[in-house]
Structures are given as C-alpha cells and as structure tokens.
C-alpha atoms as a PDB file:
ATOM      1  CA  MET A   1     -98.279-211.571-209.970  1.00  0.00           C
ATOM      2  CA  VAL A   2    -100.233-208.885-208.123  1.00  0.00           C
ATOM      3  CA  GLY A   3    -100.220-211.042-204.987  1.00  0.00           C
ATOM      4  CA  PHE A   4     -96.457-211.480-205.240  1.00  0.00           C
ATOM      5  CA  VAL A   5     -95.902-207.730-205.565  1.00  0.00           C
ATOM      6  CA  ASN A   6     -98.155-207.035-202.583  1.00  0.00           C
ATOM      7  CA  VAL A   7     -96.283-209.576-200.454  1.00  0.00           C
ATOM      8  CA  LEU A   8     -92.947-208.116-201.555  1.00  0.00           C
ATOM      9  CA  ILE A   9     -93.953-204.532-200.791  1.00  0.00           C
ATOM     10  CA  GLY A  10     -95.506-205.584-197.493  1.00  0.00           C
ATOM     11  CA  GLY A  11     -92.321-207.434-196.557  1.00  0.00           C
ATOM     12  CA  ILE A  12     -90.090-204.511-197.495  1.00  0.00           C
ATOM     13  CA  ALA A  13     -92.280-202.131-195.491  1.00  0.00           C
ATOM     14  CA  TYR A  14     -92.123-204.461-192.480  1.00  0.00           C
ATOM     15  CA  GLY A  15     -88.354-204.625-192.916  1.00  0.00           C
ATOM     16  CA  PHE A  16     -88.211-200.844-192.742  1.00  0.00           C
ATOM     17  CA  VAL A  17     -90.352-200.906-189.582  1.00  0.00           C
ATOM     18  CA  LEU A  18     -87.822-203.293-188.049  1.00  0.00           C
ATOM     19  CA  PHE A  19     -84.953-201.063-189.132  1.00  0.00           C
ATOM     20  CA  LEU A  20     -86.553-197.958-187.646  1.00  0.00           C
ATOM     21  CA  MET A  21     -86.425-199.722-184.276  1.00  0.00           C
ATOM     22  CA  ALA A  22     -83.259-201.784-184.772  1.00  0.00           C
ATOM     23  CA  GLY A  23     -81.137-198.869-186.002  1.00  0.00           C
ATOM     24  CA  GLY A  24     -80.840-197.546-182.461  1.00  0.00           C
ATOM     25  CA  LEU A  25     -80.001-200.994-181.100  1.00  0.00           C
ATOM     26  CA  SER A  26     -77.264-201.285-183.712  1.00  0.00           C
ATOM     27  CA  ILE A  27     -75.709-198.181-182.127  1.00  0.00           C
ATOM     28  CA  THR A  28     -76.011-199.160-178.453  1.00  0.00           C
ATOM     29  CA  LEU A  29     -75.310-202.883-178.862  1.00  0.00           C
ATOM     30  CA  GLY A  30     -73.197-202.938-182.003  1.00  0.00           C
ATOM     31  CA  LEU A  31     -71.133-199.767-181.733  1.00  0.00           C
ATOM     32  CA  MET A  32     -71.113-199.142-177.970  1.00  0.00           C
ATOM     33  CA  GLY A  33     -70.969-202.814-176.988  1.00  0.00           C
ATOM     34  CA  PHE A  34     -73.735-202.441-174.388  1.00  0.00           C
ATOM     35  CA  ALA A  35     -76.248-205.318-174.260  1.00  0.00           C
ATOM     36  CA  ASN A  36     -79.357-203.174-173.970  1.00  0.00           C
ATOM     37  CA  MET A  37     -82.311-205.546-173.734  1.00  0.00           C
ATOM     38  CA  ALA A  38     -84.480-202.553-172.790  1.00  0.00           C
ATOM     39  CA  HIS A  39     -84.294-201.078-176.297  1.00  0.00           C
ATOM     40  CA  ALA A  40     -87.767-202.346-177.224  1.00  0.00           C
ATOM     41  CA  ALA A  41     -89.112-200.787-174.013  1.00  0.00           C
ATOM     42  CA  LEU A  42     -87.883-197.408-175.269  1.00  0.00           C
ATOM     43  CA  ALA A  43     -89.687-198.118-178.542  1.00  0.00           C
ATOM     44  CA  MET A  44     -92.833-198.724-176.486  1.00  0.00           C
ATOM     45  CA  VAL A  45     -92.331-195.351-174.781  1.00  0.00           C
ATOM     46  CA  GLY A  46     -92.270-193.722-178.203  1.00  0.00           C
ATOM     47  CA  GLY A  47     -95.347-195.622-179.323  1.00  0.00           C
ATOM     48  CA  TYR A  48     -97.422-194.656-176.298  1.00  0.00           C
ATOM     49  CA  THR A  49     -96.226-191.046-176.460  1.00  0.00           C
ATOM     50  CA  ALA A  50     -97.336-190.675-180.075  1.00  0.00           C
ATOM     51  CA  ALA A  51    -100.619-192.547-179.579  1.00  0.00           C
ATOM     52  CA  LEU A  52    -101.602-190.503-176.520  1.00  0.00           C
ATOM     53  CA  LEU A  53    -100.585-187.156-178.023  1.00  0.00           C
ATOM     54  CA  ILE A  54    -102.587-187.863-181.174  1.00  0.00           C
ATOM     55  CA  GLY A  55    -105.575-189.556-179.542  1.00  0.00           C
ATOM     56  CA  LYS A  56    -105.910-187.517-176.335  1.00  0.00           C
ATOM     57  CA  ALA A  57    -104.249-184.164-177.037  1.00  0.00           C
ATOM     58  CA  GLY A  58    -105.060-183.855-180.732  1.00  0.00           C
ATOM     59  CA  TRP A  59    -101.479-183.296-181.881  1.00  0.00           C
ATOM     60  CA  PRO A  60    -100.615-183.504-185.588  1.00  0.00           C
ATOM     61  CA  PHE A  61     -99.111-186.849-186.576  1.00  0.00           C
ATOM     62  CA  LEU A  62     -95.600-185.667-187.450  1.00  0.00           C
ATOM     63  CA  ALA A  63     -95.367-183.449-184.359  1.00  0.00           C
ATOM     64  CA  ALA A  64     -96.389-186.378-182.158  1.00  0.00           C
ATOM     65  CA  VAL A  65     -93.790-188.638-183.804  1.00  0.00           C
ATOM     66  CA  ALA A  66     -91.072-186.032-183.227  1.00  0.00           C
ATOM     67  CA  ALA A  67     -92.164-185.679-179.594  1.00  0.00           C
ATOM     68  CA  ALA A  68     -92.066-189.472-179.218  1.00  0.00           C
ATOM     69  CA  ALA A  69     -88.435-189.516-180.335  1.00  0.00           C
ATOM     70  CA  ALA A  70     -87.590-186.673-177.929  1.00  0.00           C
ATOM     71  CA  ILE A  71     -89.325-188.316-174.945  1.00  0.00           C
ATOM     72  CA  ALA A  72     -87.655-191.667-175.634  1.00  0.00           C
ATOM     73  CA  ALA A  73     -84.284-189.905-175.882  1.00  0.00           C
ATOM     74  CA  ALA A  74     -84.901-188.214-172.525  1.00  0.00           C
ATOM     75  CA  VAL A  75     -85.934-191.488-170.865  1.00  0.00           C
ATOM     76  CA  GLY A  76     -82.916-193.241-172.363  1.00  0.00           C
ATOM     77  CA  ALA A  77     -80.593-190.481-171.162  1.00  0.00           C
ATOM     78  CA  ILE A  78     -81.996-190.756-167.622  1.00  0.00           C
ATOM     79  CA  LEU A  79     -81.564-194.540-167.629  1.00  0.00           C
ATOM     80  CA  GLU A  80     -78.045-194.221-169.008  1.00  0.00           C
ATOM     81  CA  ARG A  81     -76.981-191.715-166.371  1.00  0.00           C
ATOM     82  CA  SER A  82     -78.666-193.421-163.418  1.00  0.00           C
ATOM     83  CA  LEU A  83     -78.249-197.141-164.213  1.00  0.00           C
ATOM     84  CA  PHE A  84     -76.578-198.191-167.431  1.00  0.00           C
ATOM     85  CA  ARG A  85     -73.428-196.071-167.122  1.00  0.00           C
ATOM     86  CA  ARG A  86     -72.330-198.179-164.163  1.00  0.00           C
ATOM     87  CA  LEU A  87     -72.294-201.313-166.319  1.00  0.00           C
ATOM     88  CA  TYR A  88     -70.259-200.291-169.370  1.00  0.00           C
ATOM     89  CA  GLU A  89     -67.264-202.168-167.977  1.00  0.00           C
ATOM     90  CA  ALA A  90     -69.365-205.029-166.557  1.00  0.00           C
ATOM     91  CA  SER A  91     -69.949-208.435-168.105  1.00  0.00           C
ATOM     92  CA  GLU A  92     -72.628-208.996-170.735  1.00  0.00           C
ATOM     93  CA  LEU A  93     -74.570-211.144-168.259  1.00  0.00           C
ATOM     94  CA  GLU A  94     -74.807-208.286-165.758  1.00  0.00           C
ATOM     95  CA  GLN A  95     -75.914-205.913-168.517  1.00  0.00           C
ATOM     96  CA  VAL A  96     -78.583-208.349-169.702  1.00  0.00           C
ATOM     97  CA  LEU A  97     -79.930-208.984-166.195  1.00  0.00           C
ATOM     98  CA  LEU A  98     -80.298-205.285-165.411  1.00  0.00           C
ATOM     99  CA  THR A  99     -81.835-204.285-168.733  1.00  0.00           C
ATOM    100  CA  ILE A 100     -84.251-207.241-168.726  1.00  0.00           C
ATOM    101  CA  GLY A 101     -85.340-206.021-165.294  1.00  0.00           C
ATOM    102  CA  VAL A 102     -86.015-202.602-166.825  1.00  0.00           C
ATOM    103  CA  VAL A 103     -88.158-204.303-169.487  1.00  0.00           C
ATOM    104  CA  TYR A 104     -90.419-205.941-166.903  1.00  0.00           C
ATOM    105  CA  VAL A 105     -90.679-202.737-164.886  1.00  0.00           C
ATOM    106  CA  SER A 106     -91.727-200.902-168.061  1.00  0.00           C
ATOM    107  CA  ILE A 107     -94.370-203.541-168.823  1.00  0.00           C
ATOM    108  CA  ALA A 108     -95.821-203.229-165.325  1.00  0.00           C
ATOM    109  CA  ALA A 109     -95.751-199.425-165.505  1.00  0.00           C
ATOM    110  CA  ALA A 110     -97.475-199.353-168.901  1.00  0.00           C
ATOM    111  CA  THR A 111    -100.150-201.786-167.725  1.00  0.00           C
ATOM    112  CA  TYR A 112    -100.826-199.654-164.648  1.00  0.00           C
ATOM    113  CA  LEU A 113    -100.821-196.295-166.447  1.00  0.00           C
ATOM    114  CA  VAL A 114    -102.660-197.040-169.706  1.00  0.00           C
ATOM    115  CA  GLY A 115    -104.141-200.509-169.218  1.00  0.00           C
ATOM    116  CA  PRO A 116    -103.567-203.838-170.958  1.00  0.00           C
ATOM    117  CA  GLU A 117    -105.709-203.121-174.033  1.00  0.00           C
ATOM    118  CA  GLN A 118    -104.365-202.768-177.549  1.00  0.00           C
ATOM    119  CA  MET A 119    -103.892-199.147-178.581  1.00  0.00           C
ATOM    120  CA  ALA A 120    -104.187-197.923-182.164  1.00  0.00           C
ATOM    121  CA  ILE A 121    -102.983-194.716-183.757  1.00  0.00           C
ATOM    122  CA  ALA A 122    -104.698-192.409-186.242  1.00  0.00           C
ATOM    123  CA  VAL A 123    -102.763-191.223-189.279  1.00  0.00           C
ATOM    124  CA  PRO A 124    -103.534-188.136-191.385  1.00  0.00           C
ATOM    125  CA  SER A 125    -105.554-188.462-194.586  1.00  0.00           C
ATOM    126  CA  TRP A 126    -102.477-188.088-196.786  1.00  0.00           C
ATOM    127  CA  LEU A 127    -101.077-191.294-195.255  1.00  0.00           C
ATOM    128  CA  ASP A 128    -104.351-193.217-195.156  1.00  0.00           C
ATOM    129  CA  GLY A 129    -105.678-195.512-197.848  1.00  0.00           C
ATOM    130  CA  ASN A 130    -103.951-196.872-200.931  1.00  0.00           C
ATOM    131  CA  VAL A 131    -102.348-195.498-204.060  1.00  0.00           C
ATOM    132  CA  ARG A 132    -102.430-197.349-207.380  1.00  0.00           C
ATOM    133  CA  ILE A 133     -99.101-198.091-209.052  1.00  0.00           C
ATOM    134  CA  GLY A 134     -99.823-199.840-212.325  1.00  0.00           C
ATOM    135  CA  ALA A 135    -102.007-202.836-211.545  1.00  0.00           C
ATOM    136  CA  VAL A 136    -101.096-202.855-207.854  1.00  0.00           C
ATOM    137  CA  GLU A 137    -102.642-200.912-204.983  1.00  0.00           C
ATOM    138  CA  VAL A 138    -100.071-200.020-202.351  1.00  0.00           C
ATOM    139  CA  SER A 139    -100.656-198.623-198.874  1.00  0.00           C
ATOM    140  CA  ARG A 140     -99.633-194.976-198.645  1.00  0.00           C
ATOM    141  CA  TYR A 141     -98.372-195.551-195.135  1.00  0.00           C
ATOM    142  CA  ARG A 142     -96.111-198.402-196.233  1.00  0.00           C
ATOM    143  CA  LEU A 143     -94.649-196.224-198.981  1.00  0.00           C
ATOM    144  CA  PHE A 144     -94.083-193.494-196.392  1.00  0.00           C
ATOM    145  CA  LEU A 145     -92.242-195.947-194.142  1.00  0.00           C
ATOM    146  CA  ILE A 146     -90.015-197.056-197.020  1.00  0.00           C
ATOM    147  CA  GLY A 147     -89.152-193.476-197.974  1.00  0.00           C
ATOM    148  CA  PHE A 148     -88.630-192.327-194.400  1.00  0.00           C
ATOM    149  CA  GLY A 149     -86.552-195.395-193.550  1.00  0.00           C
ATOM    150  CA  THR A 150     -84.319-194.830-196.572  1.00  0.00           C
ATOM    151  CA  ALA A 151     -83.703-191.224-195.552  1.00  0.00           C
ATOM    152  CA  LEU A 152     -82.959-192.316-191.981  1.00  0.00           C
ATOM    153  CA  LEU A 153     -80.485-194.971-193.134  1.00  0.00           C
ATOM    154  CA  LEU A 154     -78.568-192.488-195.285  1.00  0.00           C
ATOM    155  CA  SER A 155     -78.510-189.939-192.454  1.00  0.00           C
ATOM    156  CA  LEU A 156     -77.178-192.485-189.959  1.00  0.00           C
ATOM    157  CA  LEU A 157     -74.486-193.679-192.376  1.00  0.00           C
ATOM    158  CA  VAL A 158     -73.286-190.106-192.833  1.00  0.00           C
ATOM    159  CA  LEU A 159     -73.353-189.499-189.067  1.00  0.00           C
ATOM    160  CA  ILE A 160     -71.473-192.667-188.102  1.00  0.00           C
ATOM    161  CA  ASP A 161     -69.041-192.923-191.023  1.00  0.00           C
ATOM    162  CA  HIS A 162     -68.320-189.323-191.975  1.00  0.00           C
ATOM    163  CA  THR A 163     -68.474-187.121-188.864  1.00  0.00           C
ATOM    164  CA  ASN A 164     -66.265-186.518-185.840  1.00  0.00           C
ATOM    165  CA  PHE A 165     -69.026-187.847-183.605  1.00  0.00           C
ATOM    166  CA  GLY A 166     -69.051-191.207-185.364  1.00  0.00           C
ATOM    167  CA  ALA A 167     -65.261-191.416-185.383  1.00  0.00           C
ATOM    168  CA  ARG A 168     -65.112-190.674-181.658  1.00  0.00           C
ATOM    169  CA  ILE A 169     -67.723-193.333-180.882  1.00  0.00           C
ATOM    170  CA  ARG A 170     -65.769-195.953-182.808  1.00  0.00           C
ATOM    171  CA  ALA A 171     -62.542-194.877-181.112  1.00  0.00           C
ATOM    172  CA  ALA A 172     -64.102-195.011-177.634  1.00  0.00           C
ATOM    173  CA  VAL A 173     -65.434-198.518-178.237  1.00  0.00           C
ATOM    174  CA  PHE A 174     -62.052-199.692-179.529  1.00  0.00           C
ATOM    175  CA  ASN A 175     -60.067-198.211-176.621  1.00  0.00           C
ATOM    176  CA  ARG A 176     -61.944-196.173-174.028  1.00  0.00           C
ATOM    177  CA  ARG A 177     -58.882-195.168-171.995  1.00  0.00           C
ATOM    178  CA  MET A 178     -56.861-194.075-175.004  1.00  0.00           C
ATOM    179  CA  THR A 179     -59.779-192.013-176.270  1.00  0.00           C
ATOM    180  CA  ALA A 180     -60.138-190.314-172.878  1.00  0.00           C
ATOM    181  CA  SER A 181     -56.395-189.594-172.803  1.00  0.00           C
ATOM    182  CA  CYS A 182     -56.832-187.634-176.056  1.00  0.00           C
ATOM    183  CA  GLY A 183     -59.046-185.151-174.213  1.00  0.00           C
ATOM    184  CA  ILE A 184     -62.397-186.564-175.333  1.00  0.00           C
ATOM    185  CA  ASP A 185     -65.147-186.675-172.702  1.00  0.00           C
ATOM    186  CA  VAL A 186     -66.060-190.346-173.128  1.00  0.00           C
ATOM    187  CA  ALA A 187     -68.883-190.267-170.556  1.00  0.00           C
ATOM    188  CA  ARG A 188     -70.582-187.401-172.395  1.00  0.00           C
ATOM    189  CA  LEU A 189     -69.959-189.098-175.736  1.00  0.00           C
ATOM    190  CA  TYR A 190     -71.599-192.324-174.550  1.00  0.00           C
ATOM    191  CA  ALA A 191     -74.527-190.380-173.103  1.00  0.00           C
ATOM    192  CA  LEU A 192     -75.123-188.662-176.457  1.00  0.00           C
ATOM    193  CA  ALA A 193     -74.824-191.939-178.359  1.00  0.00           C
ATOM    194  CA  PHE A 194     -77.243-193.663-175.989  1.00  0.00           C
ATOM    195  CA  ALA A 195     -79.715-190.779-176.288  1.00  0.00           C
ATOM    196  CA  LEU A 196     -79.465-191.053-180.088  1.00  0.00           C
ATOM    197  CA  GLY A 197     -80.143-194.792-179.969  1.00  0.00           C
ATOM    198  CA  SER A 198     -83.084-194.191-177.629  1.00  0.00           C
ATOM    199  CA  ALA A 199     -84.499-191.479-179.907  1.00  0.00           C
ATOM    200  CA  LEU A 200     -84.350-193.892-182.831  1.00  0.00           C
ATOM    201  CA  ALA A 201     -86.150-196.504-180.724  1.00  0.00           C
ATOM    202  CA  GLY A 202     -88.897-194.011-179.867  1.00  0.00           C
ATOM    203  CA  LEU A 203     -89.174-192.939-183.494  1.00  0.00           C
ATOM    204  CA  GLY A 204     -89.482-196.533-184.643  1.00  0.00           C
ATOM    205  CA  GLY A 205     -91.986-197.333-181.923  1.00  0.00           C
ATOM    206  CA  ALA A 206     -94.183-194.387-182.881  1.00  0.00           C
ATOM    207  CA  LEU A 207     -94.139-195.219-186.590  1.00  0.00           C
ATOM    208  CA  SER A 208     -94.710-198.948-186.030  1.00  0.00           C
ATOM    209  CA  VAL A 209     -97.968-198.663-184.069  1.00  0.00           C
ATOM    210  CA  LYS A 210    -100.079-198.306-187.225  1.00  0.00           C
ATOM    211  CA  LEU A 211     -98.873-201.693-188.513  1.00  0.00           C
ATOM    212  CA  LEU A 212     -98.015-203.635-185.367  1.00  0.00           C
ATOM    213  CA  GLY A 213    -100.424-202.309-182.759  1.00  0.00           C
ATOM    214  CA  LEU A 214     -99.346-201.451-179.221  1.00  0.00           C
ATOM    215  CA  ASP A 215     -99.857-202.980-175.789  1.00  0.00           C
ATOM    216  CA  PRO A 216     -97.719-203.296-172.634  1.00  0.00           C
ATOM    217  CA  ASN A 217     -96.162-206.550-173.885  1.00  0.00           C
ATOM    218  CA  PHE A 218     -94.678-204.798-176.927  1.00  0.00           C
ATOM    219  CA  PRO A 219     -91.069-205.012-175.604  1.00  0.00           C
ATOM    220  CA  ILE A 220     -91.260-208.785-175.153  1.00  0.00           C
ATOM    221  CA  LYS A 221     -92.958-209.365-178.510  1.00  0.00           C
ATOM    222  CA  PHE A 222     -90.307-207.613-180.577  1.00  0.00           C
ATOM    223  CA  LEU A 223     -87.126-207.874-178.505  1.00  0.00           C
ATOM    224  CA  THR A 224     -86.185-211.213-180.073  1.00  0.00           C
ATOM    225  CA  GLU A 225     -86.684-209.956-183.625  1.00  0.00           C
ATOM    226  CA  LEU A 226     -84.591-206.852-182.982  1.00  0.00           C
ATOM    227  CA  LEU A 227     -81.768-208.921-181.506  1.00  0.00           C
ATOM    228  CA  ILE A 228     -81.920-211.306-184.469  1.00  0.00           C
ATOM    229  CA  VAL A 229     -81.619-208.615-187.142  1.00  0.00           C
ATOM    230  CA  VAL A 230     -78.765-206.831-185.355  1.00  0.00           C
ATOM    231  CA  SER A 231     -76.886-210.099-184.805  1.00  0.00           C
ATOM    232  CA  VAL A 232     -77.455-211.440-188.309  1.00  0.00           C
ATOM    233  CA  GLY A 233     -76.601-208.077-189.840  1.00  0.00           C
ATOM    234  CA  GLY A 234     -73.336-207.908-187.922  1.00  0.00           C
ATOM    235  CA  LEU A 235     -72.660-206.046-184.686  1.00  0.00           C
ATOM    236  CA  GLY A 236     -71.743-202.438-185.364  1.00  0.00           C
ATOM    237  CA  SER A 237     -72.844-202.472-189.007  1.00  0.00           C
ATOM    238  CA  LEU A 238     -75.835-200.317-189.916  1.00  0.00           C
ATOM    239  CA  ARG A 239     -75.677-201.599-193.491  1.00  0.00           C
ATOM    240  CA  GLY A 240     -75.766-205.178-192.273  1.00  0.00           C
ATOM    241  CA  THR A 241     -78.639-204.458-189.892  1.00  0.00           C
ATOM    242  CA  PHE A 242     -80.570-202.832-192.727  1.00  0.00           C
ATOM    243  CA  ALA A 243     -79.975-205.805-195.032  1.00  0.00           C
ATOM    244  CA  ALA A 244     -81.046-208.240-192.307  1.00  0.00           C
ATOM    245  CA  CYS A 245     -84.200-206.214-191.618  1.00  0.00           C
ATOM    246  CA  LEU A 246     -85.210-206.317-195.279  1.00  0.00           C
ATOM    247  CA  MET A 247     -84.437-210.026-195.532  1.00  0.00           C
ATOM    248  CA  PHE A 248     -86.408-210.978-192.428  1.00  0.00           C
ATOM    249  CA  GLY A 249     -89.217-208.557-193.242  1.00  0.00           C
ATOM    250  CA  VAL A 250     -89.819-210.225-196.599  1.00  0.00           C
ATOM    251  CA  LEU A 251     -89.382-213.715-195.118  1.00  0.00           C
ATOM    252  CA  ASP A 252     -91.831-212.974-192.304  1.00  0.00           C
ATOM    253  CA  VAL A 253     -94.589-211.606-194.538  1.00  0.00           C
ATOM    254  CA  ALA A 254     -94.064-214.242-197.236  1.00  0.00           C
ATOM    255  CA  GLY A 255     -93.958-217.014-194.648  1.00  0.00           C
ATOM    256  CA  LYS A 256     -97.206-215.906-193.011  1.00  0.00           C
ATOM    257  CA  TYR A 257     -98.846-215.546-196.427  1.00  0.00           C
ATOM    258  CA  LEU A 258     -97.622-218.787-198.017  1.00  0.00           C
ATOM    259  CA  LEU A 259     -96.857-221.068-195.050  1.00  0.00           C
ATOM    260  CA  PRO A 260     -98.643-219.657-191.989  1.00  0.00           C
ATOM    261  CA  GLU A 261     -98.104-222.828-189.960  1.00  0.00           C
ATOM    262  CA  ILE A 262     -94.293-222.547-190.043  1.00  0.00           C
ATOM    263  CA  GLY A 263     -93.797-218.823-190.678  1.00  0.00           C
ATOM    264  CA  ALA A 264     -91.957-218.222-187.397  1.00  0.00           C
ATOM    265  CA  PHE A 265     -89.809-221.321-187.878  1.00  0.00           C
ATOM    266  CA  ILE A 266     -88.536-219.937-191.196  1.00  0.00           C
ATOM    267  CA  ILE A 267     -87.235-216.820-189.440  1.00  0.00           C
ATOM    268  CA  TYR A 268     -85.333-218.689-186.747  1.00  0.00           C
ATOM    269  CA  ALA A 269     -84.022-221.335-189.148  1.00  0.00           C
ATOM    270  CA  THR A 270     -82.701-218.634-191.470  1.00  0.00           C
ATOM    271  CA  ALA A 271     -81.026-216.786-188.597  1.00  0.00           C
ATOM    272  CA  LEU A 272     -79.414-220.006-187.376  1.00  0.00           C
ATOM    273  CA  SER A 273     -78.198-220.862-190.876  1.00  0.00           C
ATOM    274  CA  VAL A 274     -76.669-217.430-191.492  1.00  0.00           C
ATOM    275  CA  LEU A 275     -74.905-217.295-188.124  1.00  0.00           C
ATOM    276  CA  THR A 276     -73.613-220.849-188.554  1.00  0.00           C
ATOM    277  CA  VAL A 277     -71.980-219.938-191.871  1.00  0.00           C
ATOM    278  CA  ARG A 278     -71.009-216.385-190.866  1.00  0.00           C
ATOM    279  CA  PRO A 279     -70.823-216.044-187.064  1.00  0.00           C
ATOM    280  CA  GLN A 280     -69.867-212.376-187.488  1.00  0.00           C
ATOM    281  CA  GLY A 281     -73.094-211.690-189.418  1.00  0.00           C
ATOM    282  CA  LEU A 282     -73.693-210.486-192.954  1.00  0.00           C
ATOM    283  CA  ALA A 283     -71.515-207.391-192.723  1.00  0.00           C
ATOM    284  CA  GLY A 284     -69.621-207.906-189.472  1.00  0.00           C
ATOM    285  CA  ARG A 285     -65.895-208.322-189.223  1.00  0.00           C
ATOM    286  CA  PRO A 286     -64.383-211.622-188.045  1.00  0.00           C
ATOM    287  CA  GLN A 287     -63.087-211.410-184.480  1.00  0.00           C
END
C-alpha cells in the first residue's frame, strides 16, 4: 500500500512537472496555432538560468526561479520578433523546420557555454527532505510542485477564460484580420502571448531540474513528451493538457516502477489509443 501511494504521488508530481513546461506550449501551439518545436529549448534556458544563479551567484531559490521565467520570456520575445513572427501565416512544415533548427542551435550553444555535463540545482532546506503523512513519507519538493502547479493552472484558466487578454487571443486565432479590423494590435498581442508561453517554459524548466536533471540535450529529451501531452489533451485546452500531464505522469512512473522494460512503450501506446478514439484529444473540439 505504501509503495502504491509513493508511486501515485511520484506520478502526480511528475505530471505537474510536465504541466509546468507544457502549459506554455498549450498557449503557443494550441491557442496561437504556432508549431513551436523550440519550446523545450526555452525550458532549458530557464533551467540553466536558475542553476547558474543559484550555484554561481548564490541567489535565493525563488528569486532565481523568477529570474529564469523572466530571461526565458525575454529570449522568447526576441525569437518571436526576429524569426517566428514571419511564419505565423506559413505552413506547419515551415514552422517546424525553423523551430527545430533553433533547438539544435540552442543545444550547440549550451554545450559550448556550459559544457556537456549534467547540472544539478540546490533547493532550500524548507524544500529538501521528506515529510511524513500518515504511514507515507513524501518529498517536500514534490508537494511544492503539486501546490505550485495547481496555483498556476488556476491562474492560467482565469487569464485565458475570464480576461480581455484571453478573449483577444482566442479571437485573433479564429480570425486574425477581423480582430485587427476591430482596432486590436494583433502583432503586439501575439508577442505578449508568446512571451507568456516562453516565461512558463522557463519557469517549468527551472523547477524541473531538481527531478529531471539538466544537460544540453534537454530539449530533445522532453520535446516528444510535451508534444504528446498537448496533443492528447486537446489543442488549445489547458484543462485537457493538465489532465494528459497527470495521466502520463502516473503512467510513466508506474510503468518504470512495475514494468521497466516496456515503460516507454506504455506511454506511446496510450497516446496512440487516445488519439485513435478521439483525434481532437481529451478536451479538444472536433474540427
């Protein structure tokens, strides 16, 4: 029983780690319709920013995480203005080719600047160790991720579903020209949305280093998983992405614990099964 609870909590915590990174991709890919394969590279930027600020500059953990989100947002805004903006009206193939190129450039840059070694991150004492809940010992950091991820989900739902900003984003995706004719600066709106998605990527990258580790190949390792949870959840649906993250988080941890030989196969087989039955994803709308 204790082992089951530990696997469940570990899976939920991993699901929240995925959501912290995939939430931003749900905005840029799902809401904006831009196939941003470089999203995991922005998460890597956040991870390295936090790790270096904590390890080299001695910054407090939360301050370094906030700075990681800000730096990733700035990098994302620069990429959006200089490269990605030109491809909003282009085909998905052109978007994928460019953003995959950005991924490989980021891997080469990270290898050159910080080296190929794994990088860890130190957490404060109040997040280190375990806390006992009944008969089960649970990692404080995993509980923190679950609480923080829940707060982030609720904040994003309010922002997207109940504010003018969210309504304008949805309107611009539905009909860009009509939205512009209403006096809305669509270019500025997209830039803000892309910066928000990039900030979420950086935030997720910074908070994931403790559990996942960090090296220059981080974008390649987790790009597939992020694309899977956004697709299975349903493009444009934060609720669906969140549900998919929890589902695959639990499946991944349980699979590695119970059936380590076929753990990865379970993930891909489940994704294939869901998308075969519901091509629009768990919470997506039929086209």
